Amino acid sequence: MFPSISLAQEIGLAVLLVAGLVWVLGLGHMLWDSRFHQPEPGAYEGVAVIPAQRCAAMHPMESVELTEAEEEAFAGLIRTIALR
């Protein structure tokens, strides 16, 4: 193919080109599928099982009284969390 490079280099170049072509085709296929993929109705993509939340009446040690400053700090922290 090229007179100035060895046969091993030609084989390596061919393997590299084939791997690059496979990668580009795979990426294109992946992007094409994601572009037109419509989720099934009723399909839920979140966590499959969320444990039930326990109420404070179950055990007195599971309840913590917060001061007004702590409640305000917690509310400010919650407001900083970015929602989708």
C-alpha atoms as a PDB file:
ATOM      1  CA  MET A   1       0.000   0.000   0.000  1.00  0.00           C
ATOM      2  CA  PHE A   2       2.590   2.589   1.119  1.00  0.00           C
ATOM      3  CA  PRO A   3       6.152   1.936  -0.047  1.00  0.00           C
ATOM      4  CA  SER A   4       7.784   3.783   2.868  1.00  0.00           C
ATOM      5  CA  ILE A   5       6.224   1.830   5.801  1.00  0.00           C
ATOM      6  CA  SER A   6       6.592  -1.800   6.820  1.00  0.00           C
ATOM      7  CA  LEU A   7       3.945  -4.501   6.494  1.00  0.00           C
ATOM      8  CA  ALA A   8       3.335  -4.500  10.281  1.00  0.00           C
ATOM      9  CA  GLN A   9       2.657  -0.764  10.184  1.00  0.00           C
ATOM     10  CA  GLU A  10       0.252  -1.219   7.273  1.00  0.00           C
ATOM     11  CA  ILE A  11      -1.614  -3.926   9.191  1.00  0.00           C
ATOM     12  CA  GLY A  12      -1.732  -1.721  12.288  1.00  0.00           C
ATOM     13  CA  LEU A  13      -3.072   1.185  10.239  1.00  0.00           C
ATOM     14  CA  ALA A  14      -5.750  -1.037   8.690  1.00  0.00           C
ATOM     15  CA  VAL A  15      -6.802  -2.346  12.116  1.00  0.00           C
ATOM     16  CA  LEU A  16      -6.934   1.207  13.472  1.00  0.00           C
ATOM     17  CA  LEU A  17      -9.081   2.387  10.556  1.00  0.00           C
ATOM     18  CA  VAL A  18     -11.484  -0.562  10.942  1.00  0.00           C
ATOM     19  CA  ALA A  19     -11.777   0.061  14.700  1.00  0.00           C
ATOM     20  CA  GLY A  20     -12.463   3.747  14.071  1.00  0.00           C
ATOM     21  CA  LEU A  21     -15.110   2.914  11.488  1.00  0.00           C
ATOM     22  CA  VAL A  22     -16.808   0.448  13.849  1.00  0.00           C
ATOM     23  CA  TRP A  23     -16.747   3.051  16.624  1.00  0.00           C
ATOM     24  CA  VAL A  24     -18.287   5.753  14.397  1.00  0.00           C
ATOM     25  CA  LEU A  25     -20.986   3.375  13.160  1.00  0.00           C
ATOM     26  CA  GLY A  26     -21.775   2.247  16.724  1.00  0.00           C
ATOM     27  CA  LEU A  27     -21.977   5.832  17.948  1.00  0.00           C
ATOM     28  CA  GLY A  28     -24.254   6.776  15.067  1.00  0.00           C
ATOM     29  CA  HIS A  29     -26.480   3.787  15.727  1.00  0.00           C
ATOM     30  CA  MET A  30     -26.671   4.628  19.437  1.00  0.00           C
ATOM     31  CA  LEU A  31     -27.542   8.274  18.750  1.00  0.00           C
ATOM     32  CA  TRP A  32     -30.104   7.313  16.107  1.00  0.00           C
ATOM     33  CA  ASP A  33     -31.830   4.914  18.516  1.00  0.00           C
ATOM     34  CA  SER A  34     -31.913   7.426  21.347  1.00  0.00           C
ATOM     35  CA  ARG A  35     -33.301  10.130  19.071  1.00  0.00           C
ATOM     36  CA  PHE A  36     -36.390   8.170  18.128  1.00  0.00           C
ATOM     37  CA  HIS A  37     -36.871   6.103  21.275  1.00  0.00           C
ATOM     38  CA  GLN A  38     -40.257   6.692  22.868  1.00  0.00           C
ATOM     39  CA  PRO A  39     -40.769   5.234  26.340  1.00  0.00           C
ATOM     40  CA  GLU A  40     -43.576   2.775  26.717  1.00  0.00           C
ATOM     41  CA  PRO A  41     -46.679   4.195  28.374  1.00  0.00           C
ATOM     42  CA  GLY A  42     -46.606   3.520  32.073  1.00  0.00           C
ATOM     43  CA  ALA A  43     -42.904   2.670  32.045  1.00  0.00           C
ATOM     44  CA  TYR A  44     -41.281   4.028  35.175  1.00  0.00           C
ATOM     45  CA  GLU A  45     -37.595   4.838  34.914  1.00  0.00           C
ATOM     46  CA  GLY A  46     -36.970   5.583  38.583  1.00  0.00           C
ATOM     47  CA  VAL A  47     -36.053   3.388  41.506  1.00  0.00           C
ATOM     48  CA  ALA A  48     -38.009   0.137  41.416  1.00  0.00           C
ATOM     49  CA  VAL A  49     -38.692  -0.042  45.149  1.00  0.00           C
ATOM     50  CA  ILE A  50     -38.657   2.795  47.637  1.00  0.00           C
ATOM     51  CA  PRO A  51     -38.930   1.668  51.238  1.00  0.00           C
ATOM     52  CA  ALA A  52     -41.886   2.916  53.204  1.00  0.00           C
ATOM     53  CA  GLN A  53     -41.173   5.936  55.321  1.00  0.00           C
ATOM     54  CA  ARG A  54     -41.602   5.379  59.016  1.00  0.00           C
ATOM     55  CA  CYS A  55     -43.542   7.849  61.075  1.00  0.00           C
ATOM     56  CA  ALA A  56     -42.186   9.380  64.275  1.00  0.00           C
ATOM     57  CA  ALA A  57     -44.800   7.592  66.376  1.00  0.00           C
ATOM     58  CA  MET A  58     -43.105   4.221  65.804  1.00  0.00           C
ATOM     59  CA  HIS A  59     -40.168   4.874  68.076  1.00  0.00           C
ATOM     60  CA  PRO A  60     -39.352   7.941  70.175  1.00  0.00           C
ATOM     61  CA  MET A  61     -35.650   7.793  69.237  1.00  0.00           C
ATOM     62  CA  GLU A  62     -36.484   8.352  65.553  1.00  0.00           C
ATOM     63  CA  SER A  63     -37.726  11.866  66.183  1.00  0.00           C
ATOM     64  CA  VAL A  64     -35.518  14.951  66.559  1.00  0.00           C
ATOM     65  CA  GLU A  65     -36.794  18.378  67.524  1.00  0.00           C
ATOM     66  CA  LEU A  66     -35.103  21.162  65.545  1.00  0.00           C
ATOM     67  CA  THR A  67     -34.659  24.719  66.632  1.00  0.00           C
ATOM     68  CA  GLU A  68     -36.013  27.537  64.484  1.00  0.00           C
ATOM     69  CA  ALA A  69     -32.506  28.317  63.163  1.00  0.00           C
ATOM     70  CA  GLU A  70     -31.937  24.666  62.254  1.00  0.00           C
ATOM     71  CA  GLU A  71     -35.263  24.491  60.430  1.00  0.00           C
ATOM     72  CA  GLU A  72     -34.416  27.633  58.447  1.00  0.00           C
ATOM     73  CA  ALA A  73     -30.950  26.281  57.603  1.00  0.00           C
ATOM     74  CA  PHE A  74     -32.446  22.982  56.461  1.00  0.00           C
ATOM     75  CA  ALA A  75     -35.070  24.765  54.356  1.00  0.00           C
ATOM     76  CA  GLY A  76     -32.310  26.835  52.725  1.00  0.00           C
ATOM     77  CA  LEU A  77     -30.329  23.685  52.004  1.00  0.00           C
ATOM     78  CA  ILE A  78     -33.327  22.020  50.409  1.00  0.00           C
ATOM     79  CA  ARG A  79     -33.949  25.082  48.205  1.00  0.00           C
ATOM     80  CA  THR A  80     -30.381  24.862  46.863  1.00  0.00           C
ATOM     81  CA  ILE A  81     -30.864  21.308  45.566  1.00  0.00           C
ATOM     82  CA  ALA A  82     -31.490  21.492  41.816  1.00  0.00           C
ATOM     83  CA  LEU A  83     -34.610  19.687  40.744  1.00  0.00           C
ATOM     84  CA  ARG A  84     -35.057  18.301  37.255  1.00  0.00           C
END
